[in-house]
Amino acid sequence: MLPKAKEIVDAADVKMQDAVDFLEEDLKNYRVGKASPAIFNGVTVDYYGTATPLNQVASITTPDAKTIAIQPWERSMIAKIEKAILDANVGLTPSNNGEIIRCVVPALTEERRKDLIKKAKAQGETTKVTVRNARRDGIDLLKKAQKNEGLSEDGEKEGEDELQKVTDKHVKNIDAIIAEKEKEILTV
């Protein structure tokens, strides 16, 4: 493949991989009946007037499969952290003993499992759209390169074929990630 075409395909590949990485990170936030500190990734606490991520004001651990323990670095933060958890609506109710906040992760209902699977599949479809958009942008760039920068017709066609292979690889990867998450959600 010609250097210009390879450059365009590689740039599209990076965009596609970024979309897949974002999907994987987003799916970590899904509460699937077992304790995971990632549940609190989107929770921010009022820390002296500044909205601060929870993991920057406390250590978050999972002492067992159903419990998350939050140890604030300052005792005065306990009430603010509990309020932030409740406000974030992550589906957990915090309780504290004056030093540590504990959140017990309840078992998922069948209805909640179905909702999570539906949400995960929708997120997967959105990611596929992003991947296909990156392919379309790459094809547009290849056509411009053929028209304006002297890329041969064969070079452009070869670039499009390679772009399709990269797209197929990422779509297959997305399907595998969603299938894995669905299996995880359905595991009781």
N, C-alpha and C. Protein backbone atom coordinates (compact mmCIF):
# COMPACT_ATOMS: atom_id res chain seq x y z
N MET A 1 0.86 -1.18 0.00
CA MET A 1 0.00 0.00 0.00
C MET A 1 0.90 1.24 0.00
N LEU A 2 0.47 2.25 -0.72
CA LEU A 2 1.25 3.48 -0.82
C LEU A 2 1.27 4.22 0.52
N PRO A 3 2.34 4.99 0.78
CA PRO A 3 2.47 5.67 2.08
C PRO A 3 1.28 6.57 2.43
N LYS A 4 0.77 7.33 1.48
CA LYS A 4 -0.34 8.24 1.76
C LYS A 4 -1.59 7.45 2.15
N ALA A 5 -1.88 6.38 1.40
CA ALA A 5 -3.05 5.55 1.69
C ALA A 5 -2.89 4.89 3.06
N LYS A 6 -1.68 4.41 3.36
CA LYS A 6 -1.43 3.75 4.64
C LYS A 6 -1.62 4.74 5.79
N GLU A 7 -1.18 5.96 5.59
CA GLU A 7 -1.33 7.01 6.61
C GLU A 7 -2.82 7.26 6.91
N ILE A 8 -3.62 7.31 5.87
CA ILE A 8 -5.07 7.54 6.04
C ILE A 8 -5.72 6.35 6.75
N VAL A 9 -5.36 5.14 6.36
CA VAL A 9 -5.92 3.93 6.98
C VAL A 9 -5.51 3.86 8.45
N ASP A 10 -4.25 4.16 8.74
CA ASP A 10 -3.76 4.13 10.13
C ASP A 10 -4.49 5.15 11.00
N ALA A 11 -4.72 6.35 10.46
CA ALA A 11 -5.43 7.38 11.22
C ALA A 11 -6.87 6.93 11.53
N ALA A 12 -7.51 6.32 10.54
CA ALA A 12 -8.88 5.82 10.75
C ALA A 12 -8.87 4.68 11.77
N ASP A 13 -7.85 3.83 11.71
CA ASP A 13 -7.72 2.72 12.66
C ASP A 13 -7.61 3.25 14.09
N VAL A 14 -6.85 4.31 14.29
CA VAL A 14 -6.69 4.91 15.62
C VAL A 14 -8.04 5.45 16.13
N LYS A 15 -8.78 6.13 15.24
CA LYS A 15 -10.11 6.65 15.64
C LYS A 15 -11.04 5.50 16.04
N MET A 16 -11.00 4.43 15.26
CA MET A 16 -11.86 3.28 15.54
C MET A 16 -11.48 2.63 16.88
N GLN A 17 -10.18 2.49 17.12
CA GLN A 17 -9.72 1.88 18.36
C GLN A 17 -10.10 2.74 19.56
N ASP A 18 -10.03 4.06 19.40
CA ASP A 18 -10.45 4.97 20.47
C ASP A 18 -11.93 4.75 20.82
N ALA A 19 -12.76 4.55 19.80
CA ALA A 19 -14.18 4.32 20.04
C ALA A 19 -14.39 3.01 20.79
N VAL A 20 -13.65 1.97 20.42
CA VAL A 20 -13.76 0.67 21.09
C VAL A 20 -13.28 0.79 22.54
N ASP A 21 -12.18 1.50 22.75
CA ASP A 21 -11.67 1.71 24.11
C ASP A 21 -12.69 2.44 24.98
N PHE A 22 -13.34 3.45 24.39
CA PHE A 22 -14.36 4.20 25.13
C PHE A 22 -15.51 3.27 25.51
N LEU A 23 -15.92 2.40 24.60
CA LEU A 23 -17.00 1.44 24.88
C LEU A 23 -16.62 0.55 26.07
N GLU A 24 -15.39 0.03 26.04
CA GLU A 24 -14.95 -0.85 27.13
C GLU A 24 -14.97 -0.11 28.47
N GLU A 25 -14.50 1.13 28.48
CA GLU A 25 -14.50 1.93 29.72
C GLU A 25 -15.93 2.18 30.20
N ASP A 26 -16.81 2.51 29.25
CA ASP A 26 -18.20 2.80 29.61
C ASP A 26 -18.89 1.56 30.19
N LEU A 27 -18.61 0.40 29.63
CA LEU A 27 -19.25 -0.82 30.11
C LEU A 27 -18.78 -1.21 31.51
N LYS A 28 -17.61 -0.75 31.90
CA LYS A 28 -17.12 -1.03 33.25
C LYS A 28 -18.01 -0.37 34.30
N ASN A 29 -18.70 0.69 33.93
CA ASN A 29 -19.55 1.41 34.88
C ASN A 29 -20.89 0.72 35.10
N TYR A 30 -21.19 -0.32 34.34
CA TYR A 30 -22.45 -1.03 34.50
C TYR A 30 -22.37 -1.89 35.74
N ARG A 31 -23.32 -1.71 36.64
CA ARG A 31 -23.34 -2.49 37.87
C ARG A 31 -23.97 -3.84 37.54
N VAL A 32 -23.20 -4.90 37.68
CA VAL A 32 -23.69 -6.22 37.28
C VAL A 32 -23.79 -7.19 38.46
N GLY A 33 -24.12 -6.68 39.63
CA GLY A 33 -24.36 -7.55 40.77
C GLY A 33 -23.13 -7.93 41.55
N LYS A 34 -21.96 -7.45 41.11
CA LYS A 34 -20.77 -7.70 41.92
C LYS A 34 -20.06 -6.37 42.12
N ALA A 35 -19.40 -6.26 43.25
CA ALA A 35 -18.77 -5.00 43.63
C ALA A 35 -17.62 -4.64 42.70
N SER A 36 -17.59 -3.38 42.29
CA SER A 36 -16.51 -2.87 41.45
C SER A 36 -16.34 -1.38 41.73
N PRO A 37 -15.12 -0.95 42.04
CA PRO A 37 -14.90 0.48 42.27
C PRO A 37 -15.27 1.35 41.06
N ALA A 38 -15.30 0.76 39.86
CA ALA A 38 -15.63 1.51 38.64
C ALA A 38 -17.05 2.08 38.68
N ILE A 39 -17.90 1.53 39.53
CA ILE A 39 -19.27 2.05 39.67
C ILE A 39 -19.24 3.54 40.01
N PHE A 40 -18.21 3.95 40.74
CA PHE A 40 -18.13 5.33 41.21
C PHE A 40 -17.31 6.25 40.30
N ASN A 41 -16.98 5.80 39.09
CA ASN A 41 -16.16 6.63 38.19
C ASN A 41 -16.79 7.98 37.89
N GLY A 42 -18.11 8.05 37.81
CA GLY A 42 -18.76 9.31 37.48
C GLY A 42 -19.19 10.13 38.68
N VAL A 43 -18.86 9.66 39.90
CA VAL A 43 -19.31 10.34 41.11
C VAL A 43 -18.32 11.43 41.49
N THR A 44 -18.84 12.66 41.66
CA THR A 44 -17.99 13.77 42.11
C THR A 44 -18.48 14.27 43.45
N VAL A 45 -17.53 14.69 44.28
CA VAL A 45 -17.79 15.14 45.64
C VAL A 45 -17.42 16.62 45.75
N ASP A 46 -18.21 17.36 46.52
CA ASP A 46 -17.87 18.76 46.78
C ASP A 46 -16.72 18.78 47.77
N TYR A 47 -15.53 19.06 47.28
CA TYR A 47 -14.33 19.08 48.11
C TYR A 47 -13.83 20.52 48.21
N TYR A 48 -14.20 21.15 49.30
CA TYR A 48 -13.85 22.57 49.53
C TYR A 48 -14.26 23.44 48.34
N GLY A 49 -15.49 23.25 47.89
CA GLY A 49 -16.04 24.08 46.84
C GLY A 49 -15.72 23.63 45.42
N THR A 50 -14.97 22.55 45.27
CA THR A 50 -14.60 22.07 43.94
C THR A 50 -15.18 20.67 43.73
N ALA A 51 -15.80 20.46 42.58
CA ALA A 51 -16.31 19.12 42.25
C ALA A 51 -15.11 18.22 41.93
N THR A 52 -14.88 17.24 42.79
CA THR A 52 -13.71 16.38 42.69
C THR A 52 -14.16 14.92 42.55
N PRO A 53 -13.52 14.14 41.66
CA PRO A 53 -13.88 12.72 41.55
C PRO A 53 -13.71 12.01 42.89
N LEU A 54 -14.63 11.11 43.20
CA LEU A 54 -14.62 10.40 44.48
C LEU A 54 -13.28 9.71 44.74
N ASN A 55 -12.68 9.11 43.70
CA ASN A 55 -11.43 8.39 43.91
C ASN A 55 -10.25 9.30 44.23
N GLN A 56 -10.46 10.63 44.21
CA GLN A 56 -9.40 11.57 44.58
C GLN A 56 -9.55 12.09 46.01
N VAL A 57 -10.65 11.71 46.69
CA VAL A 57 -10.83 12.13 48.09
C VAL A 57 -10.94 10.93 49.03
N ALA A 58 -10.91 9.72 48.47
CA ALA A 58 -11.03 8.52 49.29
C ALA A 58 -10.46 7.33 48.53
N SER A 59 -10.10 6.29 49.31
CA SER A 59 -9.69 5.05 48.65
C SER A 59 -10.93 4.15 48.57
N ILE A 60 -11.08 3.50 47.43
CA ILE A 60 -12.26 2.66 47.18
C ILE A 60 -11.77 1.22 46.99
N THR A 61 -12.26 0.32 47.85
CA THR A 61 -11.84 -1.08 47.78
C THR A 61 -13.06 -1.98 47.77
N THR A 62 -12.83 -3.24 47.40
CA THR A 62 -13.90 -4.24 47.43
C THR A 62 -13.45 -5.38 48.33
N PRO A 63 -13.81 -5.32 49.63
CA PRO A 63 -13.40 -6.37 50.56
C PRO A 63 -14.00 -7.74 50.21
N ASP A 64 -15.17 -7.76 49.59
CA ASP A 64 -15.75 -9.02 49.11
C ASP A 64 -16.59 -8.72 47.87
N ALA A 65 -17.18 -9.77 47.29
CA ALA A 65 -17.87 -9.63 46.00
C ALA A 65 -19.12 -8.76 46.04
N LYS A 66 -19.67 -8.52 47.23
CA LYS A 66 -20.92 -7.77 47.34
C LYS A 66 -20.78 -6.44 48.07
N THR A 67 -19.57 -6.08 48.50
CA THR A 67 -19.39 -4.86 49.29
C THR A 67 -18.31 -3.97 48.70
N ILE A 68 -18.57 -2.68 48.72
CA ILE A 68 -17.57 -1.68 48.35
C ILE A 68 -17.31 -0.83 49.58
N ALA A 69 -16.04 -0.69 49.95
CA ALA A 69 -15.67 0.12 51.11
C ALA A 69 -14.99 1.39 50.61
N ILE A 70 -15.43 2.52 51.16
CA ILE A 70 -14.86 3.82 50.79
C ILE A 70 -14.25 4.43 52.05
N GLN A 71 -12.96 4.62 52.03
CA GLN A 71 -12.23 5.17 53.17
C GLN A 71 -11.81 6.61 52.82
N PRO A 72 -12.57 7.62 53.34
CA PRO A 72 -12.20 9.01 53.04
C PRO A 72 -10.85 9.35 53.68
N TRP A 73 -10.10 10.21 53.01
CA TRP A 73 -8.82 10.62 53.56
C TRP A 73 -9.02 11.65 54.67
N GLU A 74 -10.19 12.28 54.69
CA GLU A 74 -10.53 13.21 55.77
C GLU A 74 -11.89 12.80 56.31
N ARG A 75 -11.98 12.62 57.63
CA ARG A 75 -13.24 12.18 58.24
C ARG A 75 -14.39 13.14 57.94
N SER A 76 -14.08 14.42 57.81
CA SER A 76 -15.12 15.42 57.58
C SER A 76 -15.82 15.22 56.23
N MET A 77 -15.27 14.40 55.37
CA MET A 77 -15.83 14.19 54.03
C MET A 77 -16.91 13.10 53.99
N ILE A 78 -17.09 12.35 55.08
CA ILE A 78 -18.03 11.22 55.07
C ILE A 78 -19.43 11.64 54.61
N ALA A 79 -19.99 12.68 55.23
CA ALA A 79 -21.35 13.11 54.88
C ALA A 79 -21.43 13.57 53.41
N LYS A 80 -20.41 14.29 52.96
CA LYS A 80 -20.40 14.78 51.58
C LYS A 80 -20.30 13.63 50.58
N ILE A 81 -19.51 12.62 50.93
CA ILE A 81 -19.36 11.46 50.04
C ILE A 81 -20.68 10.69 49.97
N GLU A 82 -21.33 10.49 51.12
CA GLU A 82 -22.62 9.79 51.12
C GLU A 82 -23.63 10.54 50.27
N LYS A 83 -23.67 11.86 50.41
CA LYS A 83 -24.60 12.68 49.63
C LYS A 83 -24.29 12.56 48.13
N ALA A 84 -23.01 12.59 47.79
CA ALA A 84 -22.61 12.49 46.38
C ALA A 84 -23.03 11.14 45.79
N ILE A 85 -22.89 10.07 46.56
CA ILE A 85 -23.27 8.73 46.08
C ILE A 85 -24.78 8.68 45.84
N LEU A 86 -25.54 9.22 46.79
CA LEU A 86 -27.00 9.23 46.63
C LEU A 86 -27.42 10.11 45.45
N ASP A 87 -26.78 11.28 45.31
CA ASP A 87 -27.11 12.20 44.21
C ASP A 87 -26.75 11.60 42.84
N ALA A 88 -25.68 10.78 42.80
CA ALA A 88 -25.23 10.20 41.52
C ALA A 88 -26.18 9.12 41.04
N ASN A 89 -27.07 8.64 41.92
CA ASN A 89 -28.08 7.67 41.53
C ASN A 89 -27.46 6.42 40.89
N VAL A 90 -26.45 5.85 41.56
CA VAL A 90 -25.80 4.64 41.05
C VAL A 90 -26.49 3.37 41.54
N GLY A 91 -27.57 3.53 42.32
CA GLY A 91 -28.34 2.38 42.76
C GLY A 91 -27.80 1.74 44.04
N LEU A 92 -26.94 2.46 44.75
CA LEU A 92 -26.38 1.94 46.00
C LEU A 92 -26.73 2.89 47.15
N THR A 93 -26.94 2.30 48.34
CA THR A 93 -27.22 3.10 49.52
C THR A 93 -26.03 3.02 50.46
N PRO A 94 -25.37 4.14 50.70
CA PRO A 94 -24.19 4.12 51.57
C PRO A 94 -24.57 4.08 53.05
N SER A 95 -23.73 3.43 53.85
CA SER A 95 -23.88 3.49 55.31
C SER A 95 -22.46 3.60 55.88
N ASN A 96 -22.33 4.27 57.03
CA ASN A 96 -20.99 4.45 57.57
C ASN A 96 -20.94 4.12 59.05
N ASN A 97 -19.72 3.86 59.52
CA ASN A 97 -19.49 3.58 60.93
C ASN A 97 -18.64 4.67 61.57
N GLY A 98 -18.60 5.82 60.94
CA GLY A 98 -17.81 6.94 61.45
C GLY A 98 -16.43 7.04 60.81
N GLU A 99 -15.99 5.95 60.18
CA GLU A 99 -14.67 5.95 59.54
C GLU A 99 -14.73 5.49 58.09
N ILE A 100 -15.52 4.45 57.84
CA ILE A 100 -15.60 3.85 56.51
C ILE A 100 -17.05 3.85 56.04
N ILE A 101 -17.22 4.16 54.76
CA ILE A 101 -18.55 4.10 54.15
C ILE A 101 -18.62 2.75 53.42
N ARG A 102 -19.68 2.02 53.66
CA ARG A 102 -19.88 0.73 52.98
C ARG A 102 -21.12 0.80 52.10
N CYS A 103 -20.99 0.22 50.93
CA CYS A 103 -22.13 0.10 50.02
C CYS A 103 -22.27 -1.37 49.67
N VAL A 104 -23.43 -1.93 49.98
CA VAL A 104 -23.69 -3.33 49.64
C VAL A 104 -24.36 -3.35 48.26
N VAL A 105 -23.79 -4.14 47.38
CA VAL A 105 -24.30 -4.24 46.01
C VAL A 105 -25.41 -5.29 45.99
N PRO A 106 -26.66 -4.85 45.75
CA PRO A 106 -27.76 -5.82 45.73
C PRO A 106 -27.72 -6.68 44.47
N ALA A 107 -28.32 -7.86 44.57
CA ALA A 107 -28.41 -8.73 43.39
C ALA A 107 -29.32 -8.05 42.36
N LEU A 108 -29.01 -8.28 41.10
CA LEU A 108 -29.81 -7.68 40.03
C LEU A 108 -31.11 -8.45 39.82
N THR A 109 -32.17 -7.71 39.57
CA THR A 109 -33.43 -8.35 39.21
C THR A 109 -33.38 -8.73 37.73
N GLU A 110 -34.26 -9.62 37.32
CA GLU A 110 -34.30 -10.04 35.92
C GLU A 110 -34.58 -8.84 35.00
N GLU A 111 -35.47 -7.97 35.46
CA GLU A 111 -35.82 -6.79 34.66
C GLU A 111 -34.61 -5.87 34.50
N ARG A 112 -33.86 -5.67 35.60
CA ARG A 112 -32.68 -4.80 35.55
C ARG A 112 -31.62 -5.40 34.63
N ARG A 113 -31.48 -6.72 34.67
CA ARG A 113 -30.51 -7.39 33.78
C ARG A 113 -30.87 -7.13 32.32
N LYS A 114 -32.15 -7.26 31.99
CA LYS A 114 -32.59 -7.03 30.61
C LYS A 114 -32.34 -5.58 30.19
N ASP A 115 -32.60 -4.64 31.12
CA ASP A 115 -32.34 -3.22 30.83
C ASP A 115 -30.86 -2.98 30.57
N LEU A 116 -30.00 -3.59 31.39
CA LEU A 116 -28.55 -3.41 31.22
C LEU A 116 -28.08 -3.98 29.89
N ILE A 117 -28.62 -5.14 29.51
CA ILE A 117 -28.24 -5.74 28.23
C ILE A 117 -28.68 -4.85 27.08
N LYS A 118 -29.90 -4.34 27.18
CA LYS A 118 -30.42 -3.44 26.13
C LYS A 118 -29.54 -2.19 26.01
N LYS A 119 -29.17 -1.64 27.17
CA LYS A 119 -28.32 -0.45 27.20
C LYS A 119 -26.93 -0.75 26.62
N ALA A 120 -26.37 -1.91 26.96
CA ALA A 120 -25.06 -2.29 26.45
C ALA A 120 -25.09 -2.48 24.93
N LYS A 121 -26.15 -3.12 24.44
CA LYS A 121 -26.28 -3.32 22.99
C LYS A 121 -26.43 -1.98 22.26
N ALA A 122 -27.19 -1.07 22.85
CA ALA A 122 -27.35 0.26 22.24
C ALA A 122 -26.00 0.99 22.20
N GLN A 123 -25.24 0.86 23.27
CA GLN A 123 -23.91 1.49 23.32
C GLN A 123 -23.01 0.86 22.26
N GLY A 124 -23.13 -0.46 22.07
CA GLY A 124 -22.35 -1.14 21.04
C GLY A 124 -22.71 -0.65 19.65
N GLU A 125 -24.00 -0.45 19.40
CA GLU A 125 -24.44 0.05 18.09
C GLU A 125 -23.91 1.47 17.84
N THR A 126 -23.95 2.29 18.88
CA THR A 126 -23.42 3.65 18.76
C THR A 126 -21.93 3.62 18.42
N THR A 127 -21.21 2.71 19.05
CA THR A 127 -19.77 2.57 18.78
C THR A 127 -19.54 2.10 17.34
N LYS A 128 -20.38 1.19 16.86
CA LYS A 128 -20.25 0.73 15.47
C LYS A 128 -20.47 1.89 14.50
N VAL A 129 -21.43 2.75 14.82
CA VAL A 129 -21.68 3.93 13.97
C VAL A 129 -20.43 4.81 13.93
N THR A 130 -19.81 4.99 15.08
CA THR A 130 -18.58 5.80 15.15
C THR A 130 -17.48 5.17 14.29
N VAL A 131 -17.36 3.85 14.37
CA VAL A 131 -16.35 3.14 13.57
C VAL A 131 -16.65 3.30 12.08
N ARG A 132 -17.91 3.17 11.72
CA ARG A 132 -18.27 3.31 10.29
C ARG A 132 -18.07 4.74 9.80
N ASN A 133 -18.31 5.70 10.68
CA ASN A 133 -18.06 7.10 10.31
C ASN A 133 -16.57 7.32 10.07
N ALA A 134 -15.73 6.70 10.88
CA ALA A 134 -14.28 6.83 10.69
C ALA A 134 -13.89 6.21 9.34
N ARG A 135 -14.54 5.09 8.98
CA ARG A 135 -14.28 4.46 7.67
C ARG A 135 -14.70 5.41 6.54
N ARG A 136 -15.89 5.99 6.68
CA ARG A 136 -16.38 6.90 5.65
C ARG A 136 -15.43 8.10 5.49
N ASP A 137 -14.99 8.66 6.62
CA ASP A 137 -14.05 9.78 6.56
C ASP A 137 -12.74 9.36 5.88
N GLY A 138 -12.29 8.14 6.18
CA GLY A 138 -11.07 7.64 5.55
C GLY A 138 -11.23 7.50 4.05
N ILE A 139 -12.38 6.98 3.63
CA ILE A 139 -12.65 6.82 2.19
C ILE A 139 -12.67 8.19 1.51
N ASP A 140 -13.31 9.17 2.17
CA ASP A 140 -13.33 10.53 1.61
C ASP A 140 -11.92 11.08 1.44
N LEU A 141 -11.08 10.85 2.45
CA LEU A 141 -9.69 11.32 2.37
C LEU A 141 -8.93 10.61 1.26
N LEU A 142 -9.18 9.33 1.08
CA LEU A 142 -8.52 8.58 -0.01
C LEU A 142 -8.94 9.15 -1.37
N LYS A 143 -10.23 9.46 -1.53
CA LYS A 143 -10.71 10.01 -2.79
C LYS A 143 -10.10 11.39 -3.06
N LYS A 144 -9.99 12.20 -2.00
CA LYS A 144 -9.35 13.52 -2.14
C LYS A 144 -7.88 13.37 -2.51
N ALA A 145 -7.22 12.39 -1.88
CA ALA A 145 -5.80 12.16 -2.17
C ALA A 145 -5.62 11.72 -3.62
N GLN A 146 -6.56 10.93 -4.13
CA GLN A 146 -6.47 10.50 -5.53
C GLN A 146 -6.67 11.71 -6.45
N LYS A 147 -7.62 12.55 -6.10
CA LYS A 147 -7.97 13.69 -6.94
C LYS A 147 -6.90 14.78 -6.89
N ASN A 148 -6.44 15.12 -5.67
CA ASN A 148 -5.58 16.30 -5.50
C ASN A 148 -4.10 15.99 -5.29
N GLU A 149 -3.77 14.80 -4.79
CA GLU A 149 -2.39 14.54 -4.41
C GLU A 149 -1.73 13.46 -5.25
N GLY A 150 -2.39 13.06 -6.31
CA GLY A 150 -1.77 12.12 -7.24
C GLY A 150 -1.76 10.67 -6.79
N LEU A 151 -2.60 10.31 -5.84
CA LEU A 151 -2.70 8.90 -5.44
C LEU A 151 -3.34 8.14 -6.61
N SER A 152 -2.75 7.01 -6.98
CA SER A 152 -3.28 6.26 -8.13
C SER A 152 -4.64 5.66 -7.78
N GLU A 153 -5.38 5.33 -8.83
CA GLU A 153 -6.70 4.74 -8.64
C GLU A 153 -6.58 3.39 -7.92
N ASP A 154 -5.54 2.62 -8.30
CA ASP A 154 -5.30 1.34 -7.64
C ASP A 154 -4.93 1.55 -6.17
N GLY A 155 -4.14 2.57 -5.90
CA GLY A 155 -3.76 2.89 -4.52
C GLY A 155 -4.97 3.26 -3.69
N GLU A 156 -5.88 4.03 -4.30
CA GLU A 156 -7.11 4.42 -3.59
C GLU A 156 -7.97 3.20 -3.32
N LYS A 157 -8.10 2.31 -4.32
CA LYS A 157 -8.91 1.10 -4.17
C LYS A 157 -8.31 0.18 -3.10
N GLU A 158 -7.00 0.05 -3.13
CA GLU A 158 -6.30 -0.78 -2.15
C GLU A 158 -6.50 -0.21 -0.73
N GLY A 159 -6.45 1.11 -0.63
CA GLY A 159 -6.68 1.77 0.65
C GLY A 159 -8.09 1.52 1.16
N GLU A 160 -9.08 1.60 0.26
CA GLU A 160 -10.47 1.34 0.65
C GLU A 160 -10.65 -0.10 1.13
N ASP A 161 -10.01 -1.05 0.42
CA ASP A 161 -10.10 -2.46 0.82
C ASP A 161 -9.49 -2.65 2.21
N GLU A 162 -8.36 -2.04 2.45
CA GLU A 162 -7.69 -2.15 3.75
C GLU A 162 -8.54 -1.50 4.84
N LEU A 163 -9.15 -0.37 4.51
CA LEU A 163 -10.04 0.33 5.45
C LEU A 163 -11.23 -0.56 5.82
N GLN A 164 -11.76 -1.28 4.85
CA GLN A 164 -12.88 -2.18 5.11
C GLN A 164 -12.45 -3.32 6.04
N LYS A 165 -11.24 -3.85 5.81
CA LYS A 165 -10.74 -4.93 6.67
C LYS A 165 -10.59 -4.44 8.11
N VAL A 166 -10.05 -3.24 8.29
CA VAL A 166 -9.87 -2.66 9.62
C VAL A 166 -11.23 -2.44 10.29
N THR A 167 -12.18 -1.93 9.51
CA THR A 167 -13.54 -1.70 10.03
C THR A 167 -14.16 -3.02 10.48
N ASP A 168 -14.06 -4.04 9.64
CA ASP A 168 -14.62 -5.36 9.98
C ASP A 168 -14.00 -5.89 11.28
N LYS A 169 -12.68 -5.70 11.42
CA LYS A 169 -11.99 -6.17 12.62
C LYS A 169 -12.55 -5.49 13.87
N HIS A 170 -12.75 -4.18 13.79
CA HIS A 170 -13.25 -3.44 14.96
C HIS A 170 -14.72 -3.78 15.25
N VAL A 171 -15.53 -3.95 14.23
CA VAL A 171 -16.94 -4.31 14.43
C VAL A 171 -17.03 -5.68 15.10
N LYS A 172 -16.19 -6.61 14.65
CA LYS A 172 -16.16 -7.95 15.24
C LYS A 172 -15.74 -7.85 16.72
N ASN A 173 -14.77 -7.00 17.00
CA ASN A 173 -14.30 -6.78 18.37
C ASN A 173 -15.42 -6.20 19.25
N ILE A 174 -16.17 -5.26 18.70
CA ILE A 174 -17.30 -4.66 19.43
C ILE A 174 -18.34 -5.74 19.75
N ASP A 175 -18.65 -6.58 18.76
CA ASP A 175 -19.62 -7.66 18.98
C ASP A 175 -19.15 -8.59 20.10
N ALA A 176 -17.84 -8.89 20.11
CA ALA A 176 -17.29 -9.78 21.14
C ALA A 176 -17.37 -9.13 22.53
N ILE A 177 -17.08 -7.84 22.61
CA ILE A 177 -17.15 -7.11 23.88
C ILE A 177 -18.57 -7.11 24.41
N ILE A 178 -19.55 -6.83 23.54
CA ILE A 178 -20.95 -6.79 23.96
C ILE A 178 -21.41 -8.19 24.39
N ALA A 179 -21.02 -9.22 23.64
CA ALA A 179 -21.40 -10.59 23.99
C ALA A 179 -20.82 -10.97 25.36
N GLU A 180 -19.59 -10.58 25.61
CA GLU A 180 -18.94 -10.86 26.90
C GLU A 180 -19.67 -10.14 28.03
N LYS A 181 -20.05 -8.88 27.80
CA LYS A 181 -20.75 -8.12 28.83
C LYS A 181 -22.13 -8.72 29.07
N GLU A 182 -22.80 -9.15 28.01
CA GLU A 182 -24.11 -9.77 28.16
C GLU A 182 -24.01 -11.03 29.00
N LYS A 183 -22.97 -11.84 28.74
CA LYS A 183 -22.75 -13.06 29.51
C LYS A 183 -22.51 -12.71 30.98
N GLU A 184 -21.71 -11.67 31.21
CA GLU A 184 -21.41 -11.23 32.58
C GLU A 184 -22.68 -10.77 33.30
N ILE A 185 -23.53 -10.03 32.60
CA ILE A 185 -24.77 -9.53 33.19
C ILE A 185 -25.72 -10.68 33.53
N LEU A 186 -25.77 -11.68 32.66
CA LEU A 186 -26.69 -12.79 32.87
C LEU A 186 -26.21 -13.80 33.91
N THR A 187 -24.92 -13.77 34.23
CA THR A 187 -24.38 -14.69 35.23
C THR A 187 -24.89 -14.27 36.61
N VAL A 188 -25.58 -15.19 37.26
CA VAL A 188 -26.16 -14.88 38.57
C VAL A 188 -25.14 -15.12 39.65
